[in-house]
């Protein structure tokens, strides 16, 4: 292993030590989660992404609906918006 490869893998190894999941990229291009990673060769590794959660305002005042992060100022007091919590779905789960 050369220094550049070590520099690339260091944050991934640290994340694994901290309890995060590590994935490697298969030849098909899909990411596979490893229970116990063995870092070898030129395989591509990453820290498994975690889904994001956020709140959006579904503004009914606009057609088609306008979606904004958090509560929009345009609808406040009119009862024309619905605030919903969104959780991202990742393809590799």
N, C-alpha and C. Protein backbone atom coordinates (compact mmCIF):
# COMPACT_ATOMS: atom_id res chain seq x y z
N UNK A 1 0.85 -1.17 0.00
CA UNK A 1 0.00 0.00 0.00
C UNK A 1 0.90 1.24 0.00
N UNK A 2 0.58 2.19 -0.88
CA UNK A 2 1.35 3.42 -0.90
C UNK A 2 0.67 4.49 -0.02
N UNK A 3 1.33 5.61 0.14
CA UNK A 3 0.82 6.66 1.03
C UNK A 3 -0.50 7.25 0.55
N UNK A 4 -0.67 7.40 -0.76
CA UNK A 4 -1.92 7.94 -1.28
C UNK A 4 -3.09 7.02 -0.97
N UNK A 5 -2.87 5.71 -1.13
CA UNK A 5 -3.92 4.73 -0.83
C UNK A 5 -4.24 4.75 0.67
N UNK A 6 -3.22 4.84 1.51
CA UNK A 6 -3.42 4.91 2.96
C UNK A 6 -4.20 6.17 3.33
N UNK A 7 -3.88 7.29 2.68
CA UNK A 7 -4.57 8.56 2.93
C UNK A 7 -6.04 8.46 2.54
N UNK A 8 -6.33 7.76 1.46
CA UNK A 8 -7.71 7.57 1.00
C UNK A 8 -8.49 6.68 1.96
N UNK A 9 -7.86 5.60 2.43
CA UNK A 9 -8.55 4.64 3.28
C UNK A 9 -8.65 5.06 4.74
N UNK A 10 -7.78 5.94 5.19
CA UNK A 10 -7.75 6.31 6.60
C UNK A 10 -9.10 6.77 7.16
N UNK A 11 -9.83 7.71 6.51
CA UNK A 11 -11.12 8.13 7.07
C UNK A 11 -12.15 7.00 7.06
N UNK A 12 -12.05 6.09 6.11
CA UNK A 12 -12.98 4.96 6.04
C UNK A 12 -12.69 3.98 7.17
N UNK A 13 -11.43 3.71 7.42
CA UNK A 13 -11.04 2.82 8.52
C UNK A 13 -11.43 3.45 9.85
N UNK A 14 -11.24 4.76 9.99
CA UNK A 14 -11.62 5.45 11.23
C UNK A 14 -13.13 5.38 11.45
N UNK A 15 -13.90 5.57 10.40
CA UNK A 15 -15.36 5.49 10.51
C UNK A 15 -15.79 4.08 10.93
N UNK A 16 -15.14 3.06 10.37
CA UNK A 16 -15.43 1.68 10.75
C UNK A 16 -15.12 1.46 12.22
N UNK A 17 -13.99 1.98 12.69
CA UNK A 17 -13.62 1.86 14.10
C UNK A 17 -14.64 2.58 14.99
N UNK A 18 -15.27 3.63 14.48
CA UNK A 18 -16.26 4.39 15.22
C UNK A 18 -17.67 3.80 15.14
N UNK A 19 -17.82 2.65 14.44
CA UNK A 19 -19.11 1.98 14.40
C UNK A 19 -19.92 2.16 13.12
N UNK A 20 -19.37 2.85 12.15
CA UNK A 20 -20.08 3.02 10.87
C UNK A 20 -19.90 1.76 10.01
N UNK A 21 -20.75 1.63 8.99
CA UNK A 21 -20.64 0.52 8.05
C UNK A 21 -19.79 0.93 6.86
N UNK A 22 -19.03 -0.02 6.35
CA UNK A 22 -18.17 0.20 5.19
C UNK A 22 -18.73 -0.59 4.02
N UNK A 23 -18.67 -0.01 2.84
CA UNK A 23 -19.13 -0.68 1.63
C UNK A 23 -18.00 -0.70 0.60
N UNK A 24 -18.07 -1.70 -0.28
CA UNK A 24 -17.15 -1.69 -1.42
C UNK A 24 -17.97 -1.83 -2.69
N UNK A 25 -17.40 -1.36 -3.79
CA UNK A 25 -18.10 -1.35 -5.07
C UNK A 25 -17.79 -2.62 -5.83
N UNK A 26 -18.86 -3.36 -6.18
CA UNK A 26 -18.70 -4.58 -6.97
C UNK A 26 -18.47 -4.21 -8.43
N UNK A 27 -18.08 -5.21 -9.21
CA UNK A 27 -17.84 -4.98 -10.65
C UNK A 27 -19.09 -4.47 -11.35
N UNK A 28 -20.27 -4.87 -10.84
CA UNK A 28 -21.54 -4.44 -11.45
C UNK A 28 -21.83 -2.96 -11.19
N UNK A 29 -21.06 -2.35 -10.27
CA UNK A 29 -21.28 -0.95 -9.95
C UNK A 29 -22.13 -0.75 -8.71
N UNK A 30 -22.66 -1.85 -8.14
CA UNK A 30 -23.46 -1.76 -6.93
C UNK A 30 -22.56 -1.77 -5.71
N UNK A 31 -23.02 -1.11 -4.65
CA UNK A 31 -22.28 -1.08 -3.39
C UNK A 31 -22.76 -2.21 -2.50
N UNK A 32 -21.82 -2.88 -1.83
CA UNK A 32 -22.09 -4.04 -0.97
C UNK A 32 -21.56 -3.73 0.42
N UNK A 33 -22.41 -3.91 1.45
CA UNK A 33 -22.01 -3.63 2.82
C UNK A 33 -21.21 -4.80 3.38
N UNK A 34 -20.09 -4.46 4.02
CA UNK A 34 -19.19 -5.47 4.57
C UNK A 34 -19.35 -5.54 6.10
N UNK A 35 -19.42 -6.77 6.64
CA UNK A 35 -19.46 -6.94 8.09
C UNK A 35 -18.08 -6.70 8.69
N UNK A 36 -17.08 -7.25 8.03
CA UNK A 36 -15.69 -7.09 8.47
C UNK A 36 -14.82 -6.81 7.25
N UNK A 37 -14.63 -5.54 6.93
CA UNK A 37 -13.88 -5.20 5.71
C UNK A 37 -12.42 -5.61 5.78
N UNK A 38 -11.92 -6.07 4.64
CA UNK A 38 -10.49 -6.36 4.46
C UNK A 38 -10.06 -5.47 3.30
N UNK A 39 -9.25 -4.49 3.59
CA UNK A 39 -8.87 -3.50 2.58
C UNK A 39 -7.68 -4.02 1.78
N UNK A 40 -7.94 -4.36 0.52
CA UNK A 40 -6.87 -4.88 -0.33
C UNK A 40 -7.03 -4.38 -1.75
N UNK A 41 -5.98 -4.52 -2.49
CA UNK A 41 -6.02 -4.19 -3.91
C UNK A 41 -6.45 -2.76 -4.17
N UNK A 42 -7.09 -2.59 -5.29
CA UNK A 42 -7.53 -1.26 -5.71
C UNK A 42 -9.05 -1.13 -5.61
N UNK A 43 -9.69 -2.02 -4.84
CA UNK A 43 -11.14 -1.94 -4.70
C UNK A 43 -11.55 -0.58 -4.16
N UNK A 44 -12.73 -0.15 -4.53
CA UNK A 44 -13.23 1.14 -4.10
C UNK A 44 -14.10 0.96 -2.86
N UNK A 45 -13.81 1.70 -1.81
CA UNK A 45 -14.54 1.62 -0.55
C UNK A 45 -15.16 2.97 -0.22
N UNK A 46 -16.20 2.93 0.61
CA UNK A 46 -16.81 4.16 1.11
C UNK A 46 -17.51 3.87 2.43
N UNK A 47 -17.83 4.92 3.15
CA UNK A 47 -18.65 4.82 4.35
C UNK A 47 -20.09 4.75 3.86
N UNK A 48 -20.86 3.80 4.38
CA UNK A 48 -22.25 3.64 3.94
C UNK A 48 -23.03 4.92 4.24
N UNK A 49 -23.67 5.51 3.22
CA UNK A 49 -24.44 6.73 3.45
C UNK A 49 -25.64 6.46 4.35
N UNK A 50 -25.98 7.45 5.16
CA UNK A 50 -27.16 7.35 6.01
C UNK A 50 -28.27 8.19 5.39
N UNK A 51 -29.51 7.72 5.45
CA UNK A 51 -30.61 8.50 4.87
C UNK A 51 -30.76 9.84 5.60
N UNK A 52 -31.10 10.86 4.84
CA UNK A 52 -31.33 12.18 5.42
C UNK A 52 -32.80 12.31 5.81
N UNK A 53 -33.06 13.07 6.85
CA UNK A 53 -34.42 13.38 7.26
C UNK A 53 -34.56 14.90 7.32
N UNK A 54 -35.70 15.40 6.81
CA UNK A 54 -35.93 16.84 6.85
C UNK A 54 -37.42 17.10 6.78
N UNK A 55 -37.80 18.32 7.10
CA UNK A 55 -39.20 18.73 7.09
C UNK A 55 -39.42 19.63 5.89
N UNK A 56 -40.53 19.41 5.18
CA UNK A 56 -40.87 20.26 4.04
C UNK A 56 -42.29 20.79 4.19
N UNK A 57 -42.55 21.85 3.48
CA UNK A 57 -43.89 22.42 3.44
C UNK A 57 -44.48 22.13 2.06
N UNK A 58 -45.59 21.43 2.03
CA UNK A 58 -46.31 21.17 0.78
C UNK A 58 -47.33 22.29 0.64
N UNK A 59 -46.99 23.29 -0.16
CA UNK A 59 -47.80 24.50 -0.27
C UNK A 59 -48.93 24.28 -1.27
N UNK A 60 -50.17 24.30 -0.79
CA UNK A 60 -51.34 24.05 -1.64
C UNK A 60 -51.81 25.32 -2.35
N UNK A 61 -51.20 26.44 -2.01
CA UNK A 61 -51.60 27.71 -2.60
C UNK A 61 -51.16 27.81 -4.06
N UNK A 62 -50.15 27.04 -4.43
CA UNK A 62 -49.61 27.07 -5.78
C UNK A 62 -50.02 25.81 -6.53
N UNK A 63 -50.30 25.93 -7.79
CA UNK A 63 -50.61 24.78 -8.63
C UNK A 63 -49.60 24.73 -9.75
N UNK A 64 -48.85 23.70 -10.02
CA UNK A 64 -48.78 22.51 -9.17
C UNK A 64 -48.16 22.86 -7.83
N UNK A 65 -48.30 21.98 -6.88
CA UNK A 65 -47.83 22.22 -5.52
C UNK A 65 -46.38 22.65 -5.50
N UNK A 66 -46.08 23.53 -4.60
CA UNK A 66 -44.72 24.03 -4.40
C UNK A 66 -44.19 23.36 -3.14
N UNK A 67 -43.03 22.74 -3.22
CA UNK A 67 -42.44 22.08 -2.06
C UNK A 67 -41.23 22.89 -1.62
N UNK A 68 -41.20 23.25 -0.35
CA UNK A 68 -40.10 24.03 0.19
C UNK A 68 -39.62 23.38 1.47
N UNK A 69 -38.33 23.51 1.74
CA UNK A 69 -37.80 23.01 2.99
C UNK A 69 -38.34 23.89 4.12
N UNK A 70 -38.76 23.26 5.19
CA UNK A 70 -39.35 23.91 6.37
C UNK A 70 -40.69 24.54 5.99
N UNK A 71 -41.21 25.39 6.83
CA UNK A 71 -42.52 26.00 6.59
C UNK A 71 -42.33 27.26 5.75
N UNK A 72 -43.11 27.38 4.70
CA UNK A 72 -42.94 28.54 3.82
C UNK A 72 -43.69 29.75 4.38
N UNK A 73 -43.16 30.92 4.14
CA UNK A 73 -43.76 32.16 4.64
C UNK A 73 -45.03 32.52 3.89
N UNK A 74 -45.18 32.10 2.64
CA UNK A 74 -46.33 32.46 1.82
C UNK A 74 -47.63 31.92 2.38
N UNK A 75 -47.58 30.75 3.00
CA UNK A 75 -48.80 30.07 3.44
C UNK A 75 -49.15 30.32 4.90
N UNK A 76 -48.23 30.83 5.65
CA UNK A 76 -48.43 30.96 7.08
C UNK A 76 -49.70 31.76 7.39
N UNK A 77 -50.55 31.15 8.18
CA UNK A 77 -51.79 31.82 8.56
C UNK A 77 -52.95 31.55 7.61
N UNK A 78 -52.70 31.00 6.44
CA UNK A 78 -53.77 30.75 5.48
C UNK A 78 -54.29 29.32 5.54
N UNK A 79 -53.59 28.43 6.21
CA UNK A 79 -54.02 27.03 6.27
C UNK A 79 -53.86 26.32 4.94
N UNK A 80 -53.01 26.85 4.07
CA UNK A 80 -52.83 26.29 2.74
C UNK A 80 -51.60 25.41 2.61
N UNK A 81 -50.99 25.08 3.73
CA UNK A 81 -49.81 24.26 3.60
C UNK A 81 -49.87 23.07 4.56
N UNK A 82 -49.20 22.04 4.17
CA UNK A 82 -49.10 20.83 4.98
C UNK A 82 -47.62 20.59 5.23
N UNK A 83 -47.24 20.52 6.49
CA UNK A 83 -45.85 20.29 6.84
C UNK A 83 -45.67 18.78 7.01
N UNK A 84 -44.71 18.22 6.27
CA UNK A 84 -44.48 16.77 6.33
C UNK A 84 -43.00 16.50 6.60
N UNK A 85 -42.75 15.36 7.26
CA UNK A 85 -41.37 14.93 7.51
C UNK A 85 -41.02 13.91 6.45
N UNK A 86 -39.84 14.07 5.86
CA UNK A 86 -39.40 13.22 4.75
C UNK A 86 -38.14 12.48 5.17
N UNK A 87 -38.08 11.18 4.84
CA UNK A 87 -36.88 10.38 5.07
C UNK A 87 -36.45 9.82 3.72
N UNK A 88 -35.22 10.08 3.36
CA UNK A 88 -34.66 9.65 2.09
C UNK A 88 -34.56 8.11 2.05
N UNK A 89 -34.87 7.54 0.91
CA UNK A 89 -34.70 6.11 0.69
C UNK A 89 -33.50 5.92 -0.22
N UNK A 90 -32.50 5.17 0.26
CA UNK A 90 -31.29 4.94 -0.52
C UNK A 90 -31.43 3.65 -1.31
N UNK A 91 -30.94 3.65 -2.54
CA UNK A 91 -31.04 2.48 -3.42
C UNK A 91 -30.36 1.25 -2.88
N UNK A 92 -29.28 1.43 -2.14
CA UNK A 92 -28.47 0.28 -1.72
C UNK A 92 -28.93 -0.34 -0.41
N UNK A 93 -30.08 0.07 0.13
CA UNK A 93 -30.55 -0.51 1.38
C UNK A 93 -31.31 -1.79 1.13
